[in-house]
Amino acid sequence: MKYAVEIRDPGNGHVACTCVDFRHNGLGTCKHVEAVLLHLESRYRRAFAAARRAGSPRCDIVPDPQGSLRVERNPGALPKGLRRLFGDDGALRQTVALGDALRELAEAPAPVRLSQEIGPWLESRRRAAERIQLRRDYESRVQSGEYPPHETLVPLYPYQRQGMLHLAFTERALLADEMGLGKTIQAIAACALLHRLGKARCVLVVTPASSPARSASRTGHHTPCSWSSSTAMPPPGKSA
């Protein structure tokens, strides 16, 4: 598998990588970025040191944490026709449509450069909007009676239903309720809901070796969805 590493400004740590680890670890780096930096420093020592000191002359356009685009550096070097797109803080003006700005920026000459992070960011925005619309459609169909009010054979408490919706409509979610509040049934309900919506054909459930039978029996008790279980053998010398 190949990954694309982007080194925009080594002195300020403005880097990117297309690997999953970079996108989700929150560190702003990954092993691929570090390997490229080490290679550049050893192979082009003087040029790399100069780049660290002087910074990049580019006007890099990157995703903004506030949900838009921004000029990462050198906003004054933007072509005059593009300066109207951005405010004094470097962020894309709220009056400018994102699609229109991207089309103009994509045709701009150097020193303007669009970061490779923009593509995954746009896809993430699309998926988030899709999940919001999917939840609205689901709730509407529940209200109209097309879908049942509960995805489990046992009715959920209101807070459990919220937990189900959180798990089902959040791309990366964690349920951290206290012991005894029904995390298992909330997870089962979320899986059943995703199955109903056609977003999950099967679900992998990982449990301690001591409890697969109990987890399987709960699945059969709470939902009519089919299930099967298997046990992974521990490595030699390790207990289950």
Protein backbone atom coordinates (compact mmCIF):
# COMPACT_ATOMS: atom_id res chain seq x y z
CA MET A 1 0.00 0.00 0.00
CA LYS A 2 1.27 3.46 -0.90
CA TYR A 3 0.75 6.73 0.97
CA ALA A 4 1.30 10.30 -0.18
CA VAL A 5 3.29 12.48 2.22
CA GLU A 6 3.10 16.27 1.96
CA ILE A 7 5.79 18.48 3.51
CA ARG A 8 4.53 22.05 3.23
CA ASP A 9 6.81 23.70 5.78
CA PRO A 10 9.26 21.53 7.77
CA GLY A 11 10.17 24.37 10.09
CA ASN A 12 6.62 24.79 11.40
CA GLY A 13 5.54 21.17 11.19
CA HIS A 14 3.03 21.77 8.39
CA VAL A 15 2.82 18.25 7.00
CA ALA A 16 0.23 15.71 5.91
CA CYS A 17 -0.10 12.05 4.99
CA THR A 18 -2.89 10.05 3.42
CA CYS A 19 -2.59 7.18 5.91
CA VAL A 20 -5.36 6.50 8.42
CA ASP A 21 -2.98 6.92 11.35
CA PHE A 22 -2.19 10.53 10.44
CA ARG A 23 -5.85 11.42 10.00
CA HIS A 24 -6.93 10.08 13.38
CA ASN A 25 -4.04 10.06 15.88
CA GLY A 26 -4.20 13.81 16.56
CA LEU A 27 -0.40 14.10 16.68
CA GLY A 28 0.09 15.95 13.42
CA THR A 29 2.60 13.36 12.22
CA CYS A 30 3.02 9.65 11.52
CA LYS A 31 5.78 7.18 10.76
CA HIS A 32 5.60 7.96 7.04
CA VAL A 33 6.04 11.70 7.61
CA GLU A 34 8.93 11.10 10.02
CA ALA A 35 10.61 8.75 7.54
CA VAL A 36 10.37 11.34 4.75
CA LEU A 37 11.73 14.08 7.01
CA LEU A 38 14.68 11.91 8.02
CA HIS A 39 15.36 11.07 4.37
CA LEU A 40 15.28 14.73 3.30
CA GLU A 41 17.49 15.80 6.18
CA SER A 42 20.11 13.14 5.46
CA ARG A 43 20.04 13.40 1.66
CA TYR A 44 19.70 17.17 1.27
CA ARG A 45 21.14 18.45 4.53
CA ARG A 46 21.88 22.05 3.50
CA ALA A 47 18.71 22.58 1.47
CA PHE A 48 16.61 21.04 4.23
CA ALA A 49 18.20 23.25 6.89
CA ALA A 50 17.62 26.32 4.72
CA ALA A 51 13.99 25.35 4.18
CA ARG A 52 13.50 25.02 7.92
CA ARG A 53 14.96 28.46 8.56
CA ALA A 54 13.31 30.37 5.73
CA GLY A 55 9.98 28.57 5.57
CA SER A 56 7.98 28.00 2.42
CA PRO A 57 7.32 30.78 -0.13
CA ARG A 58 4.06 29.07 -1.13
CA CYS A 59 0.53 30.19 -0.34
CA ASP A 60 -0.78 26.86 0.86
CA ILE A 61 -4.56 26.51 1.01
CA VAL A 62 -5.58 24.08 3.75
CA PRO A 63 -8.76 23.05 5.61
CA ASP A 64 -9.63 25.38 8.45
CA PRO A 65 -10.57 23.97 11.90
CA GLN A 66 -13.67 26.19 11.78
CA GLY A 67 -15.02 24.25 8.82
CA SER A 68 -13.81 26.19 5.80
CA LEU A 69 -10.52 26.98 4.02
CA ARG A 70 -7.68 29.24 4.97
CA VAL A 71 -4.32 30.45 3.68
CA GLU A 72 -1.70 28.76 5.82
CA ARG A 73 1.04 31.28 5.14
CA ASN A 74 2.02 34.26 2.96
CA PRO A 75 -1.48 35.62 2.30
CA GLY A 76 0.09 38.76 0.88
CA ALA A 77 1.59 36.72 -1.96
CA LEU A 78 -1.83 35.69 -3.24
CA PRO A 79 -2.65 36.94 -6.75
CA LYS A 80 -4.75 40.09 -6.52
CA GLY A 81 -7.77 38.39 -8.04
CA LEU A 82 -7.82 35.82 -5.22
CA ARG A 83 -7.27 38.11 -2.24
CA ARG A 84 -10.97 39.01 -2.21
CA LEU A 85 -11.76 35.38 -1.27
CA PHE A 86 -10.03 35.59 2.12
CA GLY A 87 -10.31 37.84 5.14
CA ASP A 88 -7.51 39.51 7.04
CA ASP A 89 -7.18 36.41 9.26
CA GLY A 90 -6.51 34.23 6.21
CA ALA A 91 -9.84 32.40 6.43
CA LEU A 92 -12.23 32.06 3.51
CA ARG A 93 -14.88 34.77 3.70
CA GLN A 94 -18.30 33.51 4.75
CA THR A 95 -19.86 35.26 1.76
CA VAL A 96 -17.80 33.13 -0.64
CA ALA A 97 -19.18 29.74 -1.70
CA LEU A 98 -16.74 26.93 -1.02
CA GLY A 99 -17.22 25.32 -4.45
CA ASP A 100 -16.62 28.59 -6.28
CA ALA A 101 -13.48 29.28 -4.26
CA LEU A 102 -12.05 25.82 -4.95
CA ARG A 103 -12.61 26.19 -8.68
CA GLU A 104 -10.76 29.52 -8.75
CA LEU A 105 -7.94 28.29 -6.53
CA ALA A 106 -7.46 25.12 -8.59
CA GLU A 107 -6.68 27.27 -11.65
CA ALA A 108 -4.41 29.70 -9.80
CA PRO A 109 -0.69 29.79 -10.69
CA ALA A 110 2.20 29.50 -8.23
CA PRO A 111 2.73 30.36 -5.44
CA VAL A 112 -0.82 29.13 -4.69
CA ARG A 113 -0.92 25.44 -3.78
CA LEU A 114 -3.89 23.35 -2.66
CA SER A 115 -3.02 20.93 0.13
CA GLN A 116 -3.68 17.24 -0.41
CA GLU A 117 -5.66 17.39 2.84
CA ILE A 118 -8.50 19.19 1.08
CA GLY A 119 -9.71 16.07 -0.73
CA PRO A 120 -10.19 13.90 2.41
CA TRP A 121 -11.64 16.92 4.24
CA LEU A 122 -14.27 17.41 1.54
CA GLU A 123 -15.13 13.71 1.66
CA SER A 124 -15.45 13.88 5.45
CA ARG A 125 -17.85 16.82 5.11
CA ARG A 126 -19.90 14.87 2.58
CA ARG A 127 -20.13 11.82 4.84
CA ALA A 128 -21.09 13.96 7.84
CA ALA A 129 -23.89 15.64 5.88
CA GLU A 130 -25.06 12.24 4.67
CA ARG A 131 -25.23 10.90 8.24
CA ILE A 132 -27.25 13.92 9.37
CA GLN A 133 -29.72 13.45 6.53
CA LEU A 134 -29.89 9.70 7.15
CA ARG A 135 -30.78 10.28 10.80
CA ARG A 136 -33.46 12.81 9.85
CA ASP A 137 -34.96 10.35 7.36
CA TYR A 138 -34.91 7.56 9.96
CA GLU A 139 -36.63 9.68 12.62
CA SER A 140 -39.22 10.82 10.08
CA ARG A 141 -40.03 7.23 9.14
CA VAL A 142 -40.34 6.28 12.80
CA GLN A 143 -42.78 9.13 13.32
CA SER A 144 -44.82 8.10 10.28
CA GLY A 145 -44.97 4.49 11.43
CA GLU A 146 -42.98 3.11 8.49
CA TYR A 147 -40.22 2.02 10.88
CA PRO A 148 -40.83 0.54 14.35
CA PRO A 149 -40.05 2.78 17.35
CA HIS A 150 -37.50 0.24 18.64
CA GLU A 151 -34.92 -1.86 16.85
CA THR A 152 -34.86 -4.43 19.64
CA LEU A 153 -37.42 -6.90 20.91
CA VAL A 154 -37.13 -5.22 24.32
CA PRO A 155 -38.08 -1.49 24.33
CA LEU A 156 -35.22 0.89 25.03
CA TYR A 157 -35.23 3.57 27.69
CA PRO A 158 -34.97 7.10 26.25
CA TYR A 159 -31.29 7.43 27.18
CA GLN A 160 -30.60 4.03 25.60
CA ARG A 161 -32.26 5.12 22.39
CA GLN A 162 -30.02 8.18 22.34
CA GLY A 163 -27.05 5.88 22.79
CA MET A 164 -28.23 3.76 19.86
CA LEU A 165 -28.54 6.84 17.65
CA HIS A 166 -25.13 8.10 18.75
CA LEU A 167 -23.48 4.82 17.78
CA ALA A 168 -25.39 4.40 14.53
CA PHE A 169 -24.97 7.90 13.15
CA THR A 170 -21.46 8.77 14.32
CA GLU A 171 -18.65 7.49 12.14
CA ARG A 172 -16.27 6.79 15.03
CA ALA A 173 -18.12 6.50 18.33
CA LEU A 174 -17.52 5.36 21.89
CA LEU A 175 -20.23 4.47 24.39
CA ALA A 176 -19.00 4.97 27.94
CA ASP A 177 -22.08 4.52 30.15
CA GLU A 178 -21.66 3.24 33.71
CA MET A 179 -21.92 -0.47 34.39
CA GLY A 180 -25.48 -1.76 34.37
CA LEU A 181 -27.00 0.93 32.15
CA GLY A 182 -27.36 -1.30 29.11
CA LYS A 183 -24.37 -0.71 26.86
CA THR A 184 -24.82 -4.14 25.29
CA ILE A 185 -28.41 -3.61 24.21
CA GLN A 186 -27.56 -0.13 22.91
CA ALA A 187 -24.77 -1.59 20.77
CA ILE A 188 -27.04 -4.39 19.53
CA ALA A 189 -29.77 -1.87 18.69
CA ALA A 190 -27.29 0.31 16.77
CA CYS A 191 -26.14 -2.71 14.75
CA ALA A 192 -29.75 -3.70 14.01
CA LEU A 193 -30.52 -0.12 12.93
CA LEU A 194 -27.54 0.02 10.58
CA HIS A 195 -28.64 -3.31 9.13
CA ARG A 196 -32.14 -1.95 8.54
CA LEU A 197 -30.75 1.10 6.76
CA GLY A 198 -28.51 -1.02 4.54
CA LYS A 199 -25.32 0.43 6.03
CA ALA A 200 -24.06 -2.77 7.66
CA ARG A 201 -24.46 -6.30 6.31
CA CYS A 202 -22.53 -7.93 9.16
CA VAL A 203 -20.89 -6.76 12.41
CA LEU A 204 -17.79 -8.07 14.13
CA VAL A 205 -18.12 -8.26 17.92
CA VAL A 206 -14.92 -8.79 19.91
CA THR A 207 -15.35 -9.98 23.52
CA PRO A 208 -13.19 -11.56 26.22
CA ALA A 209 -12.78 -15.31 25.72
CA SER A 210 -14.89 -15.94 28.82
CA SER A 211 -18.04 -14.29 27.47
CA PRO A 212 -18.74 -15.07 23.79
CA ALA A 213 -21.64 -17.38 24.60
CA ARG A 214 -23.23 -14.78 26.86
CA SER A 215 -22.83 -12.05 24.25
CA ALA A 216 -24.32 -14.28 21.57
CA SER A 217 -27.28 -15.23 23.72
CA ARG A 218 -27.96 -11.54 24.43
CA THR A 219 -27.94 -10.84 20.70
CA GLY A 220 -30.52 -13.54 20.09
CA HIS A 221 -32.60 -12.33 23.02
CA HIS A 222 -32.66 -8.66 21.98
CA THR A 223 -32.98 -8.85 18.19
CA PRO A 224 -34.19 -11.27 15.52
CA CYS A 225 -30.98 -10.72 13.56
CA SER A 226 -29.02 -13.91 12.96
CA TRP A 227 -25.70 -14.44 14.72
CA SER A 228 -22.79 -16.86 14.95
CA SER A 229 -19.78 -17.07 17.26
CA SER A 230 -16.23 -18.33 17.07
CA THR A 231 -13.36 -18.48 19.53
CA ALA A 232 -9.84 -17.35 18.71
CA MET A 233 -7.07 -19.39 20.30
CA PRO A 234 -4.57 -17.40 22.41
CA PRO A 235 -0.88 -17.41 21.45
CA PRO A 236 1.24 -20.24 22.93
CA GLY A 237 2.08 -19.60 26.54
CA LYS A 238 -0.72 -17.05 26.97
CA SER A 239 -3.91 -17.67 28.89
CA ALA A 240 -7.30 -16.79 27.48
